[in-house]
Amino acid sequence: MNICTINGKRYELPDNASVSVVNGKVYVNGKPFADTESFCEKIINITIKGNVNSVENGSGQITVEGDAKTVKTASGDIKINGNVSGDVSTASGDVECGDVGGNVKTMSGDVKCGPVQGMAKSMSGDITQKSGIIDILKKHFDPLISKRSEFD
């Protein structure tokens, strides 16, 4: 079981669930979650402790303390302490995560992530990609290898 906190209220969710907040109601795996109240707040912050299949939110911060497949919010920061196997996107907010198997996009905000298989895009912010160990080794040793071949 994973723990999901939405505006301070704690929920237990099945492993790798899909979580959406639509019109103030929480949906898990596409169905209304029975143990929820309706949220009247315009900004809904979601924190998930564990892995999740997908998280979608209209407006508010999303934090995943694990891996995710897809994460999307219209307005708010996204922080994933693990990797994302699919896409990550927010229209307005920063994105911070590990490796991304798909695309990462924000219209207004910064992106800090590991290597991205697809595209990394920010219309008005900085993009910082952390290098993997292979990239670091290539960066330091490729020049030495090419120099050595000149002398062989």
N, C-alpha and C. Protein backbone atom coordinates (compact mmCIF):
# COMPACT_ATOMS: atom_id res chain seq x y z
N MET A 1 0.83 -1.20 0.00
CA MET A 1 0.00 0.00 0.00
C MET A 1 0.87 1.25 0.00
N ASN A 2 0.41 2.26 -0.71
CA ASN A 2 1.08 3.54 -0.74
C ASN A 2 0.25 4.55 0.02
N ILE A 3 0.90 5.59 0.51
CA ILE A 3 0.21 6.65 1.23
C ILE A 3 0.14 7.87 0.33
N CYS A 4 -1.05 8.43 0.19
CA CYS A 4 -1.28 9.63 -0.60
C CYS A 4 -1.85 10.69 0.33
N THR A 5 -1.26 11.87 0.35
CA THR A 5 -1.76 12.97 1.17
C THR A 5 -2.24 14.07 0.23
N ILE A 6 -3.50 14.45 0.39
CA ILE A 6 -4.10 15.50 -0.44
C ILE A 6 -4.59 16.60 0.49
N ASN A 7 -3.98 17.77 0.39
CA ASN A 7 -4.28 18.90 1.26
C ASN A 7 -4.36 18.49 2.72
N GLY A 8 -3.39 17.68 3.16
CA GLY A 8 -3.29 17.30 4.55
C GLY A 8 -4.09 16.08 4.95
N LYS A 9 -4.97 15.58 4.09
CA LYS A 9 -5.76 14.39 4.41
C LYS A 9 -5.05 13.17 3.81
N ARG A 10 -4.91 12.13 4.63
CA ARG A 10 -4.12 10.95 4.26
C ARG A 10 -5.02 9.82 3.75
N TYR A 11 -4.59 9.19 2.64
CA TYR A 11 -5.32 8.07 2.04
C TYR A 11 -4.35 6.92 1.78
N GLU A 12 -4.82 5.70 1.93
CA GLU A 12 -4.05 4.53 1.54
C GLU A 12 -4.51 4.09 0.16
N LEU A 13 -3.55 3.90 -0.74
CA LEU A 13 -3.85 3.54 -2.12
C LEU A 13 -3.17 2.24 -2.49
N PRO A 14 -3.72 1.50 -3.44
CA PRO A 14 -3.03 0.30 -3.92
C PRO A 14 -1.72 0.69 -4.61
N ASP A 15 -0.77 -0.25 -4.65
CA ASP A 15 0.51 -0.01 -5.34
C ASP A 15 0.26 0.35 -6.80
N ASN A 16 1.06 1.29 -7.31
CA ASN A 16 1.02 1.72 -8.71
C ASN A 16 -0.38 2.13 -9.18
N ALA A 17 -1.10 2.82 -8.32
CA ALA A 17 -2.43 3.31 -8.67
C ALA A 17 -2.31 4.55 -9.57
N SER A 18 -3.41 4.89 -10.23
CA SER A 18 -3.53 6.15 -10.96
C SER A 18 -4.40 7.06 -10.12
N VAL A 19 -3.92 8.27 -9.83
CA VAL A 19 -4.64 9.20 -8.97
C VAL A 19 -4.94 10.47 -9.75
N SER A 20 -6.21 10.90 -9.73
CA SER A 20 -6.61 12.16 -10.36
C SER A 20 -7.48 12.94 -9.40
N VAL A 21 -7.37 14.25 -9.44
CA VAL A 21 -8.27 15.12 -8.71
C VAL A 21 -9.00 15.95 -9.75
N VAL A 22 -10.31 15.72 -9.87
CA VAL A 22 -11.13 16.39 -10.88
C VAL A 22 -12.30 17.06 -10.18
N ASN A 23 -12.44 18.37 -10.37
CA ASN A 23 -13.50 19.14 -9.74
C ASN A 23 -13.59 18.87 -8.24
N GLY A 24 -12.43 18.81 -7.58
CA GLY A 24 -12.39 18.64 -6.14
C GLY A 24 -12.62 17.23 -5.64
N LYS A 25 -12.81 16.27 -6.52
CA LYS A 25 -13.03 14.87 -6.13
C LYS A 25 -11.82 14.03 -6.51
N VAL A 26 -11.51 13.07 -5.63
CA VAL A 26 -10.36 12.19 -5.85
C VAL A 26 -10.81 10.94 -6.59
N TYR A 27 -10.08 10.59 -7.65
CA TYR A 27 -10.35 9.37 -8.41
C TYR A 27 -9.11 8.50 -8.35
N VAL A 28 -9.31 7.21 -8.09
CA VAL A 28 -8.23 6.24 -8.06
C VAL A 28 -8.54 5.18 -9.10
N ASN A 29 -7.60 4.99 -10.01
CA ASN A 29 -7.78 4.05 -11.13
C ASN A 29 -9.07 4.33 -11.91
N GLY A 30 -9.38 5.62 -12.08
CA GLY A 30 -10.53 6.03 -12.89
C GLY A 30 -11.86 6.01 -12.19
N LYS A 31 -11.92 5.56 -10.92
CA LYS A 31 -13.19 5.48 -10.19
C LYS A 31 -13.16 6.42 -9.00
N PRO A 32 -14.32 7.02 -8.65
CA PRO A 32 -14.35 7.89 -7.47
C PRO A 32 -13.89 7.11 -6.23
N PHE A 33 -13.00 7.71 -5.48
CA PHE A 33 -12.49 7.07 -4.28
C PHE A 33 -13.52 7.25 -3.17
N ALA A 34 -14.00 6.18 -2.61
CA ALA A 34 -15.13 6.20 -1.66
C ALA A 34 -14.80 6.93 -0.37
N ASP A 35 -13.56 6.89 0.08
CA ASP A 35 -13.19 7.46 1.37
C ASP A 35 -12.70 8.90 1.24
N THR A 36 -13.36 9.69 0.41
CA THR A 36 -12.89 11.07 0.26
C THR A 36 -14.00 12.06 0.51
N GLU A 37 -13.56 13.24 0.79
CA GLU A 37 -14.48 14.36 0.88
C GLU A 37 -14.23 15.21 -0.35
N SER A 38 -15.14 16.07 -0.66
CA SER A 38 -14.95 16.97 -1.79
C SER A 38 -14.07 18.13 -1.32
N PHE A 39 -13.08 18.50 -2.11
CA PHE A 39 -12.20 19.60 -1.77
C PHE A 39 -12.70 20.87 -2.45
N CYS A 40 -12.98 21.87 -1.65
CA CYS A 40 -13.47 23.14 -2.19
C CYS A 40 -12.32 24.06 -2.59
N GLU A 41 -11.13 23.77 -2.10
CA GLU A 41 -9.99 24.62 -2.39
C GLU A 41 -9.68 24.61 -3.88
N LYS A 42 -9.20 25.73 -4.37
CA LYS A 42 -8.82 25.81 -5.78
C LYS A 42 -7.46 25.15 -6.02
N ILE A 43 -6.57 25.20 -5.01
CA ILE A 43 -5.26 24.59 -5.13
C ILE A 43 -5.24 23.32 -4.29
N ILE A 44 -4.94 22.21 -4.92
CA ILE A 44 -4.91 20.92 -4.24
C ILE A 44 -3.50 20.35 -4.37
N ASN A 45 -2.83 20.19 -3.23
CA ASN A 45 -1.47 19.65 -3.20
C ASN A 45 -1.53 18.16 -2.91
N ILE A 46 -0.77 17.38 -3.69
CA ILE A 46 -0.78 15.93 -3.59
C ILE A 46 0.63 15.44 -3.28
N THR A 47 0.75 14.58 -2.26
CA THR A 47 2.02 13.91 -1.94
C THR A 47 1.77 12.43 -1.89
N ILE A 48 2.56 11.66 -2.63
CA ILE A 48 2.43 10.21 -2.63
C ILE A 48 3.73 9.60 -2.15
N LYS A 49 3.64 8.76 -1.11
CA LYS A 49 4.81 8.05 -0.59
C LYS A 49 4.76 6.64 -1.15
N GLY A 50 5.57 6.39 -2.17
CA GLY A 50 5.58 5.11 -2.86
C GLY A 50 5.51 5.35 -4.36
N ASN A 51 5.46 4.27 -5.11
CA ASN A 51 5.38 4.35 -6.57
C ASN A 51 3.94 4.56 -7.00
N VAL A 52 3.75 5.22 -8.13
CA VAL A 52 2.42 5.49 -8.64
C VAL A 52 2.43 5.36 -10.17
N ASN A 53 1.34 4.87 -10.73
CA ASN A 53 1.23 4.74 -12.17
C ASN A 53 1.11 6.13 -12.79
N SER A 54 0.09 6.90 -12.37
CA SER A 54 -0.06 8.25 -12.89
C SER A 54 -0.72 9.14 -11.86
N VAL A 55 -0.40 10.43 -11.94
CA VAL A 55 -1.01 11.44 -11.08
C VAL A 55 -1.40 12.60 -11.98
N GLU A 56 -2.63 13.08 -11.84
CA GLU A 56 -3.10 14.22 -12.61
C GLU A 56 -3.84 15.16 -11.69
N ASN A 57 -3.52 16.45 -11.77
CA ASN A 57 -4.09 17.44 -10.87
C ASN A 57 -4.36 18.72 -11.67
N GLY A 58 -5.43 19.40 -11.33
CA GLY A 58 -5.75 20.66 -12.02
C GLY A 58 -4.82 21.78 -11.62
N SER A 59 -4.72 22.04 -10.32
CA SER A 59 -3.90 23.14 -9.85
C SER A 59 -3.35 22.80 -8.47
N GLY A 60 -2.04 22.70 -8.39
CA GLY A 60 -1.40 22.41 -7.11
C GLY A 60 -0.13 21.62 -7.31
N GLN A 61 0.64 21.55 -6.25
CA GLN A 61 1.93 20.86 -6.27
C GLN A 61 1.72 19.35 -6.20
N ILE A 62 2.56 18.61 -6.94
CA ILE A 62 2.56 17.15 -6.89
C ILE A 62 3.95 16.70 -6.45
N THR A 63 3.99 15.87 -5.40
CA THR A 63 5.24 15.29 -4.93
C THR A 63 5.07 13.78 -4.89
N VAL A 64 6.00 13.05 -5.51
CA VAL A 64 5.99 11.59 -5.48
C VAL A 64 7.31 11.14 -4.88
N GLU A 65 7.23 10.43 -3.75
CA GLU A 65 8.43 9.89 -3.10
C GLU A 65 8.60 8.45 -3.57
N GLY A 66 8.95 8.31 -4.84
CA GLY A 66 9.10 7.02 -5.49
C GLY A 66 9.14 7.25 -6.99
N ASP A 67 8.83 6.21 -7.75
CA ASP A 67 8.81 6.30 -9.21
C ASP A 67 7.38 6.53 -9.71
N ALA A 68 7.26 7.05 -10.92
CA ALA A 68 5.95 7.29 -11.53
C ALA A 68 6.01 6.98 -13.01
N LYS A 69 4.85 6.70 -13.59
CA LYS A 69 4.79 6.50 -15.04
C LYS A 69 4.52 7.84 -15.72
N THR A 70 3.44 8.53 -15.33
CA THR A 70 3.13 9.85 -15.88
C THR A 70 2.65 10.77 -14.77
N VAL A 71 3.03 12.05 -14.89
CA VAL A 71 2.62 13.06 -13.90
C VAL A 71 2.26 14.33 -14.65
N LYS A 72 1.09 14.90 -14.30
CA LYS A 72 0.63 16.09 -15.03
C LYS A 72 -0.16 16.99 -14.09
N THR A 73 0.13 18.28 -14.14
CA THR A 73 -0.68 19.28 -13.46
C THR A 73 -0.76 20.51 -14.35
N ALA A 74 -1.88 21.21 -14.27
CA ALA A 74 -2.04 22.41 -15.10
C ALA A 74 -1.21 23.56 -14.54
N SER A 75 -1.17 23.66 -13.21
CA SER A 75 -0.45 24.75 -12.60
C SER A 75 0.08 24.31 -11.24
N GLY A 76 1.39 24.19 -11.15
CA GLY A 76 2.02 23.80 -9.89
C GLY A 76 3.32 23.10 -10.13
N ASP A 77 4.14 23.05 -9.10
CA ASP A 77 5.44 22.38 -9.19
C ASP A 77 5.26 20.87 -9.11
N ILE A 78 6.18 20.15 -9.75
CA ILE A 78 6.19 18.69 -9.71
C ILE A 78 7.57 18.26 -9.22
N LYS A 79 7.58 17.43 -8.15
CA LYS A 79 8.84 16.89 -7.64
C LYS A 79 8.69 15.39 -7.49
N ILE A 80 9.53 14.65 -8.19
CA ILE A 80 9.51 13.20 -8.14
C ILE A 80 10.89 12.76 -7.67
N ASN A 81 10.94 12.10 -6.52
CA ASN A 81 12.23 11.68 -5.97
C ASN A 81 12.82 10.48 -6.71
N GLY A 82 12.05 9.83 -7.55
CA GLY A 82 12.52 8.70 -8.34
C GLY A 82 12.54 9.05 -9.81
N ASN A 83 12.33 8.03 -10.63
CA ASN A 83 12.34 8.19 -12.08
C ASN A 83 10.93 8.19 -12.64
N VAL A 84 10.79 8.70 -13.86
CA VAL A 84 9.51 8.72 -14.56
C VAL A 84 9.68 7.91 -15.85
N SER A 85 8.85 6.88 -16.02
CA SER A 85 9.00 6.05 -17.22
C SER A 85 8.29 6.64 -18.42
N GLY A 86 7.36 7.57 -18.21
CA GLY A 86 6.63 8.21 -19.29
C GLY A 86 6.91 9.71 -19.33
N ASP A 87 5.82 10.51 -19.38
CA ASP A 87 5.93 11.96 -19.52
C ASP A 87 5.66 12.68 -18.20
N VAL A 88 6.23 13.89 -18.07
CA VAL A 88 5.99 14.80 -16.95
C VAL A 88 5.67 16.16 -17.55
N SER A 89 4.56 16.79 -17.10
CA SER A 89 4.25 18.11 -17.65
C SER A 89 3.47 18.97 -16.68
N THR A 90 3.75 20.26 -16.74
CA THR A 90 3.01 21.29 -16.04
C THR A 90 3.00 22.52 -16.93
N ALA A 91 1.89 23.25 -16.93
CA ALA A 91 1.84 24.47 -17.73
C ALA A 91 2.61 25.59 -17.04
N SER A 92 2.52 25.65 -15.73
CA SER A 92 3.18 26.71 -14.99
C SER A 92 3.73 26.14 -13.68
N GLY A 93 5.03 25.91 -13.65
CA GLY A 93 5.67 25.39 -12.46
C GLY A 93 6.99 24.74 -12.78
N ASP A 94 7.75 24.46 -11.75
CA ASP A 94 9.04 23.80 -11.90
C ASP A 94 8.85 22.29 -11.88
N VAL A 95 9.78 21.58 -12.55
CA VAL A 95 9.79 20.12 -12.56
C VAL A 95 11.15 19.65 -12.08
N GLU A 96 11.13 18.76 -11.09
CA GLU A 96 12.37 18.16 -10.59
C GLU A 96 12.15 16.66 -10.46
N CYS A 97 13.01 15.88 -11.11
CA CYS A 97 12.84 14.43 -11.07
C CYS A 97 14.13 13.73 -11.49
N GLY A 98 14.11 12.41 -11.45
CA GLY A 98 15.25 11.61 -11.91
C GLY A 98 15.18 11.45 -13.43
N ASP A 99 15.52 10.27 -13.90
CA ASP A 99 15.50 9.99 -15.34
C ASP A 99 14.07 10.03 -15.86
N VAL A 100 13.91 10.42 -17.14
CA VAL A 100 12.60 10.51 -17.76
C VAL A 100 12.59 9.66 -19.03
N GLY A 101 11.68 8.69 -19.08
CA GLY A 101 11.59 7.80 -20.23
C GLY A 101 10.86 8.42 -21.41
N GLY A 102 10.09 9.46 -21.19
CA GLY A 102 9.34 10.14 -22.24
C GLY A 102 9.80 11.59 -22.36
N ASN A 103 8.84 12.51 -22.31
CA ASN A 103 9.11 13.94 -22.43
C ASN A 103 8.91 14.63 -21.09
N VAL A 104 9.58 15.76 -20.90
CA VAL A 104 9.35 16.62 -19.74
C VAL A 104 9.13 18.03 -20.27
N LYS A 105 8.03 18.66 -19.78
CA LYS A 105 7.66 19.96 -20.35
C LYS A 105 7.04 20.87 -19.30
N THR A 106 7.43 22.14 -19.34
CA THR A 106 6.78 23.19 -18.58
C THR A 106 6.77 24.43 -19.47
N MET A 107 5.70 25.17 -19.41
CA MET A 107 5.63 26.40 -20.19
C MET A 107 6.33 27.54 -19.46
N SER A 108 6.19 27.55 -18.13
CA SER A 108 6.76 28.63 -17.33
C SER A 108 7.36 28.04 -16.07
N GLY A 109 8.63 27.71 -16.11
CA GLY A 109 9.31 27.15 -14.95
C GLY A 109 10.61 26.49 -15.35
N ASP A 110 11.33 26.03 -14.36
CA ASP A 110 12.62 25.38 -14.58
C ASP A 110 12.45 23.86 -14.57
N VAL A 111 13.36 23.17 -15.25
CA VAL A 111 13.39 21.71 -15.28
C VAL A 111 14.74 21.25 -14.77
N LYS A 112 14.73 20.38 -13.76
CA LYS A 112 15.94 19.74 -13.25
C LYS A 112 15.66 18.25 -13.24
N CYS A 113 16.38 17.50 -14.07
CA CYS A 113 16.10 16.07 -14.17
C CYS A 113 17.33 15.32 -14.62
N GLY A 114 17.19 14.00 -14.63
CA GLY A 114 18.24 13.14 -15.17
C GLY A 114 18.12 13.09 -16.68
N PRO A 115 18.76 12.13 -17.31
CA PRO A 115 18.67 12.00 -18.77
C PRO A 115 17.22 11.81 -19.22
N VAL A 116 16.87 12.43 -20.36
CA VAL A 116 15.51 12.38 -20.90
C VAL A 116 15.55 11.64 -22.24
N GLN A 117 14.72 10.61 -22.37
CA GLN A 117 14.65 9.86 -23.62
C GLN A 117 13.99 10.67 -24.73
N GLY A 118 12.96 11.45 -24.39
CA GLY A 118 12.25 12.26 -25.37
C GLY A 118 12.83 13.67 -25.41
N MET A 119 11.95 14.66 -25.28
CA MET A 119 12.35 16.06 -25.31
C MET A 119 12.19 16.69 -23.93
N ALA A 120 13.07 17.63 -23.61
CA ALA A 120 12.94 18.45 -22.41
C ALA A 120 12.68 19.86 -22.89
N LYS A 121 11.56 20.47 -22.44
CA LYS A 121 11.15 21.75 -22.99
C LYS A 121 10.66 22.68 -21.89
N SER A 122 11.17 23.91 -21.90
CA SER A 122 10.69 24.97 -21.03
C SER A 122 10.68 26.25 -21.85
N MET A 123 9.53 26.91 -21.91
CA MET A 123 9.42 28.12 -22.72
C MET A 123 10.12 29.32 -22.07
N SER A 124 10.13 29.37 -20.72
CA SER A 124 10.70 30.56 -20.08
C SER A 124 11.57 30.24 -18.88
N GLY A 125 12.11 29.04 -18.82
CA GLY A 125 12.96 28.69 -17.68
C GLY A 125 14.20 27.94 -18.14
N ASP A 126 14.99 27.54 -17.16
CA ASP A 126 16.23 26.81 -17.44
C ASP A 126 15.98 25.31 -17.43
N ILE A 127 16.77 24.59 -18.20
CA ILE A 127 16.73 23.13 -18.20
C ILE A 127 18.10 22.63 -17.76
N THR A 128 18.12 21.85 -16.69
CA THR A 128 19.35 21.28 -16.17
C THR A 128 19.18 19.77 -16.11
N GLN A 129 20.00 19.06 -16.86
CA GLN A 129 19.94 17.60 -16.85
C GLN A 129 21.17 17.07 -16.15
N LYS A 130 20.93 16.22 -15.15
CA LYS A 130 22.05 15.56 -14.46
C LYS A 130 22.55 14.45 -15.36
N SER A 131 23.83 14.33 -15.48
CA SER A 131 24.42 13.29 -16.32
C SER A 131 24.45 11.96 -15.60
N GLY A 132 24.25 10.91 -16.34
CA GLY A 132 24.42 9.57 -15.81
C GLY A 132 25.90 9.22 -15.80
N ILE A 133 26.27 8.16 -15.16
CA ILE A 133 27.68 7.76 -15.04
C ILE A 133 28.31 7.51 -16.41
N ILE A 134 27.56 6.94 -17.34
CA ILE A 134 28.11 6.69 -18.68
C ILE A 134 28.46 8.01 -19.37
N ASP A 135 27.56 9.01 -19.25
CA ASP A 135 27.83 10.31 -19.86
C ASP A 135 29.07 10.96 -19.26
N ILE A 136 29.24 10.82 -17.95
CA ILE A 136 30.41 11.40 -17.29
C ILE A 136 31.68 10.72 -17.76
N LEU A 137 31.65 9.39 -17.83
CA LEU A 137 32.83 8.65 -18.29
C LEU A 137 33.20 9.00 -19.73
N LYS A 138 32.18 9.07 -20.60
CA LYS A 138 32.44 9.43 -22.00
C LYS A 138 33.05 10.82 -22.11
N LYS A 139 32.50 11.76 -21.34
CA LYS A 139 32.98 13.14 -21.38
C LYS A 139 34.46 13.21 -21.03
N HIS A 140 34.88 12.44 -20.03
CA HIS A 140 36.26 12.51 -19.57
C HIS A 140 37.22 11.61 -20.34
N PHE A 141 36.74 10.46 -20.82
CA PHE A 141 37.65 9.50 -21.44
C PHE A 141 37.64 9.53 -22.97
N ASP A 142 36.57 9.97 -23.61
CA ASP A 142 36.55 10.02 -25.07
C ASP A 142 37.69 10.87 -25.64
N PRO A 143 37.96 12.06 -25.07
CA PRO A 143 39.09 12.84 -25.61
C PRO A 143 40.42 12.10 -25.49
N LEU A 144 40.61 11.37 -24.39
CA LEU A 144 41.86 10.62 -24.20
C LEU A 144 41.97 9.48 -25.20
N ILE A 145 40.86 8.82 -25.45
CA ILE A 145 40.86 7.70 -26.40
C ILE A 145 41.15 8.20 -27.81
N SER A 146 40.54 9.32 -28.19
CA SER A 146 40.78 9.85 -29.55
C SER A 146 42.22 10.34 -29.69
N LYS A 147 42.81 10.91 -28.64
CA LYS A 147 44.21 11.35 -28.68
C LYS A 147 45.13 10.15 -28.82
N ARG A 148 44.82 9.08 -28.08
CA ARG A 148 45.66 7.88 -28.13
C ARG A 148 45.67 7.28 -29.54
N SER A 149 44.52 7.26 -30.19
CA SER A 149 44.46 6.66 -31.54
C SER A 149 45.28 7.46 -32.55
N GLU A 150 45.52 8.75 -32.28
CA GLU A 150 46.35 9.54 -33.17
C GLU A 150 47.81 9.06 -33.16
N PHE A 151 48.25 8.48 -32.04
CA PHE A 151 49.63 8.06 -31.90
C PHE A 151 49.86 6.60 -32.26
N ASP A 152 48.78 5.81 -32.45
CA ASP A 152 48.94 4.38 -32.78
C ASP A 152 49.40 4.16 -34.20
